[in-house]
Protein backbone atom coordinates (compact mmCIF):
# COMPACT_ATOMS: atom_id res chain seq x y z
CA MET A 1 -2.12 9.03 19.56
CA ILE A 2 -2.88 5.37 19.95
CA TRP A 3 -5.05 3.57 17.42
CA ASN A 4 -7.18 0.78 18.86
CA SER A 5 -7.56 -1.00 15.54
CA ARG A 6 -6.24 -1.00 12.02
CA ALA A 7 -9.56 0.49 10.87
CA ASP A 8 -9.05 3.41 13.27
CA PHE A 9 -5.52 3.83 11.95
CA ILE A 10 -6.54 3.88 8.29
CA SER A 11 -9.57 6.13 8.78
CA ASP A 12 -7.67 8.72 10.86
CA ASP A 13 -8.01 11.99 8.92
CA SER A 14 -4.67 13.20 10.30
CA LEU A 15 -2.89 10.19 8.78
CA ASP A 16 -1.95 10.18 5.10
CA ILE A 17 -0.27 7.58 2.93
CA ALA A 18 3.12 9.09 2.15
CA GLY A 19 4.56 6.50 -0.19
CA TYR A 20 5.44 2.92 -0.98
CA LEU A 21 8.88 1.27 -0.96
CA PHE A 22 9.00 -1.63 -3.39
CA SER A 23 10.74 -4.88 -2.41
CA LYS A 24 12.45 -6.77 -5.22
CA LYS A 25 12.82 -9.94 -3.13
CA LYS A 26 9.30 -10.51 -1.81
CA VAL A 27 6.18 -8.48 -2.59
CA ASP A 28 4.83 -8.73 0.98
CA ASP A 29 8.06 -7.16 2.29
CA GLY A 30 7.34 -3.87 0.54
CA ILE A 31 6.63 -0.98 2.90
CA PHE A 32 3.79 1.52 3.03
CA MET A 33 4.76 4.84 4.62
CA PHE A 34 2.22 6.96 6.48
CA CYS A 35 2.61 10.51 7.73
CA HIS A 36 0.84 11.58 10.92
CA ARG A 37 0.05 15.22 10.22
CA ILE A 38 -0.68 16.74 13.60
CA ASP A 39 1.35 19.45 15.33
CA THR A 40 2.26 17.25 18.29
CA CYS A 41 3.53 14.37 16.16
CA GLY A 42 4.57 14.64 12.50
CA THR A 43 5.96 11.10 12.57
CA THR A 44 6.33 8.98 9.46
CA LEU A 45 5.28 5.39 10.15
CA SER A 46 6.32 2.41 8.06
CA LEU A 47 4.30 -0.80 7.87
CA LYS A 48 4.88 -3.85 5.71
CA VAL A 49 2.45 -4.64 2.91
CA LYS A 50 1.52 -7.94 4.59
CA VAL A 51 -0.31 -5.97 7.32
CA PHE A 52 -2.85 -4.88 4.69
CA VAL A 53 -3.01 -7.91 2.40
CA ASP A 54 -6.63 -8.70 3.34
CA LEU A 55 -7.73 -5.38 1.80
CA TYR A 56 -7.31 -7.02 -1.62
CA ASP A 57 -9.77 -9.57 -2.89
CA GLY A 58 -9.00 -9.66 -6.60
CA GLU A 59 -6.98 -11.89 -8.85
CA THR A 60 -3.34 -12.56 -7.98
CA TYR A 61 -0.48 -13.30 -10.34
CA SER A 62 2.69 -15.32 -9.72
CA GLU A 63 4.98 -13.65 -12.26
CA ASN A 64 6.86 -10.55 -11.12
CA LEU A 65 7.17 -8.26 -14.15
CA HIS A 66 9.61 -5.86 -12.49
CA GLY A 67 12.60 -5.31 -14.75
CA THR A 68 10.86 -6.68 -17.84
CA PRO A 69 9.67 -4.65 -20.84
CA ARG A 70 6.07 -5.30 -19.70
CA CYS A 71 6.64 -3.48 -16.39
CA GLY A 72 4.98 -0.07 -16.07
CA LYS A 73 7.52 0.91 -13.36
CA LEU A 74 4.80 2.22 -11.03
CA CYS A 75 6.21 0.26 -8.08
CA VAL A 76 9.51 2.11 -8.16
CA ASP A 77 7.79 5.52 -8.02
CA LYS A 78 7.18 5.84 -4.26
CA ASN A 79 4.78 8.76 -4.75
CA ASN A 80 2.59 7.21 -7.44
CA PHE A 81 -0.55 5.72 -5.89
CA SER A 82 -2.33 4.64 -9.06
CA ASP A 83 -3.33 1.10 -9.91
CA CYS A 84 -1.27 -0.97 -12.32
CA HIS A 85 -3.23 -3.10 -14.77
CA ASN A 86 -0.42 -5.47 -15.73
CA PRO A 87 -0.72 -9.16 -14.77
CA CYS A 88 2.10 -8.87 -12.23
CA ALA A 89 2.69 -10.30 -8.75
CA ASN A 90 2.95 -6.71 -7.51
CA ARG A 91 -0.43 -5.61 -8.84
CA TYR A 92 -2.37 -6.31 -5.67
CA VAL A 93 -0.09 -3.94 -3.76
CA ARG A 94 -0.98 -1.15 -6.17
CA VAL A 95 -4.69 -1.76 -5.56
CA ILE A 96 -4.20 -1.67 -1.77
CA LEU A 97 -2.08 1.48 -2.09
CA GLU A 98 -4.80 3.23 -4.05
CA LYS A 99 -7.44 2.17 -1.49
CA LEU A 100 -5.30 3.45 1.39
CA HIS A 101 -4.68 6.72 -0.46
CA GLN A 102 -8.40 7.22 -1.02
CA LYS A 103 -9.27 5.78 2.43
CA GLY A 104 -11.69 3.56 0.53
CA TYR A 105 -10.85 0.23 2.05
CA LYS A 106 -12.82 -2.78 3.18
CA THR A 107 -11.55 -6.03 4.57
CA LYS A 108 -12.76 -9.32 3.15
CA SER A 109 -14.97 -9.67 6.21
CA GLY A 110 -16.58 -6.26 5.67
């Protein structure tokens, strides 16, 4: 299967978000994993967070709370798709992850 756009890719019912690999060095270098669940494929695809950054339009934070007592450790659980409410540099990734999981995304342009 070839997707003609990112919107086609995300809205494909045979494609599911399979997880998230957290990057300690740079938030945008984290990886979203997708599983293509059709009999003729079954491939797991990996795409960097930066491909989806425009799906987030909320507040951003500069401090990375990973490894601090204030960290909820959601980023290190690759199968947890829920939002994190801590004021952390990684928070926007959690919001995008939840949107991808629910297929409830919109770009800033609509």
